[in-house]
Amino acid sequence: MPPTLANFHLASKYLLQGKLVSFPTETVYGLGADATNDQAVASIFAAKKRPSFNPLIIHLPSIEEAEKYVDFDITSRKLAAAFWPGPFTLVLNKKPGTLLSPLVSAGLDTVAVRVPEHPVVRELLENFKYPIAAPSANLSGKLSPTRPEHVARDLKDEVAMILDGPPCRNGIESTIAQVMGSEIRLLRPGSVSQRDIEEVTGLRVVPFEDGQNPTAPGQLKSHYAPRSNVRLNATTVYPDEALLAFGSLYPKDARIVRNLSPKGSLHEAAANLFSLLHELDDLGCETIAVSPIPPHGLGIAINDRLSRAAADNKE
C-alpha cells in the first residue's frame, strides 16, 4: 500500500490492535509490532517461525525516545550521535521497569535499539508514538526481503498491511554493536564498518564469534538462505549453476548471470544482494555460484550474509 497519510494512520491503528505491519527501511523490509505488547511481539516469532531465544531490534524515532527505554554510556551515546538515524543498532542495558515486552530481548537484560533513516518507517514511528519491534519480514533463516512482493510471498497471511515506499538503499541488515568497557563487540557486520566505529570511538572492535549464544539478531550460523544451494568464491561455473557475479571479471560461459555490480561497487552490490538472490532462487536453480567478493569494507558484511546463506546447503 502506498505511504499516504491515511495509510500511516491505518498502520498505526493495526499496531495498536496488536497486529503486524510490514514497511521498508534503509536496510530491508521490517515486520513490525508494538514492542510493549507481549501478544503482538509473540506473533512476530510465530509468523516468522523464529526461535524465541533470538532477540529483536526495537525501532524509535530519536535518541531522546530511546532514552526512555535504555541506558546510554558515554561511548554508546557517541556512536548514536554519529550513526543515527541510519543502519546502525546498539545493544544497550534496559532501564528498570521498562514497558518493553521481555520477549523483545529474549530474556536478556539488554535490548537492541535502532533509530532508522528511511522516510516511511520514520513517519510510521511519529504516527504510532510507541517503539516498534521489527526483524526482517521473512520466514526465519530465509532470504531477507527488499521489495514488498518478497514480504507477500512469505508472510501475506500474517500481516495486516504492507507499506510500500522508496527502495531499501542499503540492502543488508544494520550493523549491530555493543560497548563492553574498553572495547566494542561487533555483533553483526553491516554498512557501518569496523573502521567507522573505531574512528568515532578510538576503541578496539572485536568481531562476534559463531558458536556463542545469540545476543543480537543475525548471529545464527545458518541464515539468509535461499532454497537453492550457494557456492562461494566461484571462479568457474558448472552447467547446472546460475552465477551471481561481481565486477567485470567473471566466467562468461554461465547460462544464467545476474551481476551485483558490473562496475565493482560494494555499495551497489549490498543494495542488490538479496533482490538478486531472490531472483535467481525463483528461477529454480539448483545452485547459485557466487563470484569472490572483496573481503574489506562493506564486502565483510556481504560475505557474512553469503557465508550464512551457504551454511544450509542441501546434500
Foldseek 3Di string as FASTA:
>chain_A
DELDPVVLLVVLVCQVVLAWEWEQFLAAIWTKHFQLDQSSLVLVCVLQVNDLQAAWEKEAAAPVVVVLWFDDDPLNVLVCVVAPQDQEKEKGFTDPPGSGDCSNQSVDRIHIYHHTDDPRVNSSNVSNVGIITIDFQARWLAAGHFAVVRNCVRRVVRGPYYYGDDTSQQQHHGFYWYDDDQEIEGAADGQCHQVNSCVRRVGHYHYDDAPDRHRHPPRHLAHHAFPAAEAEQDQDDDALEAEAEAECRHDPPGPHYDYQYNHRDLSSNSSCPRVVVVVVSVVVRNYYYYHYRDCDRRSVNVVSSRSNRNVPHDD
